[in-house]
Amino acid sequence: MDGLLIRSIEEHLPLEMIYLANNQELSQRKLIVKEVNDDYIRAYCLSRKQMRTFKRENILSIMPDLQSKHRYLH
């Protein structure tokens, strides 16, 4: 997973994530990672149009969002 997160930072690669929030709600997000550490990732959420912090342990699935890639690259 780390390689994919770093690639999102370096290439502005949009990712699609399934996330389990602390209140046990599942959400599907499209995001571009800005920062990674051992416990959290900071990312621009394309769904909410703002920066968000996500706990790494709550990320259930993450993969490249290849359908959106061409829309977000500069």
Protein backbone atom coordinates (compact mmCIF):
# COMPACT_ATOMS: atom_id res chain seq x y z
CA MET A 1 0.00 0.00 0.00
CA ASP A 2 2.86 2.42 0.77
CA GLY A 3 4.07 2.35 -2.82
CA LEU A 4 0.64 3.32 -4.10
CA LEU A 5 0.33 6.16 -1.56
CA ILE A 6 3.76 7.54 -2.51
CA ARG A 7 2.88 7.28 -6.19
CA SER A 8 -0.28 9.30 -5.56
CA ILE A 9 1.85 12.03 -3.94
CA GLU A 10 4.51 12.08 -6.66
CA GLU A 11 2.25 11.75 -9.71
CA HIS A 12 -0.96 13.35 -8.36
CA LEU A 13 -2.55 9.96 -9.04
CA PRO A 14 -6.20 9.83 -7.93
CA LEU A 15 -7.01 6.86 -5.72
CA GLU A 16 -10.29 5.25 -4.84
CA MET A 17 -10.61 4.17 -1.23
CA ILE A 18 -13.09 2.24 0.88
CA TYR A 19 -12.86 3.62 4.41
CA LEU A 20 -14.39 2.60 7.73
CA ALA A 21 -14.98 5.70 9.85
CA ASN A 22 -14.78 5.66 13.64
CA ASN A 23 -18.59 5.59 13.80
CA GLN A 24 -18.46 2.33 11.78
CA GLU A 25 -19.85 3.94 8.62
CA LEU A 26 -18.35 2.84 5.31
CA SER A 27 -17.54 5.44 2.71
CA GLN A 28 -16.08 5.36 -0.76
CA ARG A 29 -13.73 8.26 -1.47
CA LYS A 30 -11.71 9.53 -4.39
CA LEU A 31 -8.59 11.31 -3.21
CA ILE A 32 -5.09 12.48 -3.97
CA VAL A 33 -2.58 11.77 -1.20
CA LYS A 34 -0.52 14.72 0.07
CA GLU A 35 1.26 13.27 3.13
CA VAL A 36 1.87 9.83 4.65
CA ASN A 37 3.05 8.80 8.10
CA ASP A 38 2.88 5.60 10.16
CA ASP A 39 -0.67 6.16 11.47
CA TYR A 40 -2.41 8.57 9.11
CA ILE A 41 -2.60 9.83 5.56
CA ARG A 42 -3.50 13.40 4.64
CA ALA A 43 -5.24 13.67 1.31
CA TYR A 44 -7.32 16.01 -0.78
CA CYS A 45 -10.74 14.37 -0.94
CA LEU A 46 -12.16 14.87 -4.42
CA SER A 47 -15.64 14.00 -3.12
CA ARG A 48 -15.69 16.62 -0.32
CA LYS A 49 -13.33 19.05 -2.12
CA GLN A 50 -11.17 19.57 0.97
CA MET A 51 -8.19 18.15 2.84
CA ARG A 52 -8.96 15.20 5.07
CA THR A 53 -7.01 12.99 7.47
CA PHE A 54 -7.58 9.23 7.37
CA LYS A 55 -6.38 6.58 9.82
CA ARG A 56 -4.35 4.00 7.94
CA GLU A 57 -5.82 1.18 10.03
CA ASN A 58 -9.33 2.14 8.81
CA ILE A 59 -8.50 1.91 5.11
CA LEU A 60 -10.18 -1.28 3.92
CA SER A 61 -9.27 -1.00 0.23
CA ILE A 62 -7.31 1.42 -1.91
CA MET A 63 -6.56 1.34 -5.63
CA PRO A 64 -5.79 3.70 -8.51
CA ASP A 65 -8.85 5.51 -9.83
CA LEU A 66 -7.90 5.08 -13.46
CA GLN A 67 -11.23 6.40 -14.78
CA SER A 68 -10.60 9.80 -13.19
CA LYS A 69 -6.84 9.98 -13.73
CA HIS A 70 -6.97 12.15 -16.85
CA ARG A 71 -9.28 14.69 -15.18
CA TYR A 72 -7.00 15.55 -12.25
CA LEU A 73 -3.50 15.51 -13.72
CA HIS A 74 -2.03 18.87 -14.64
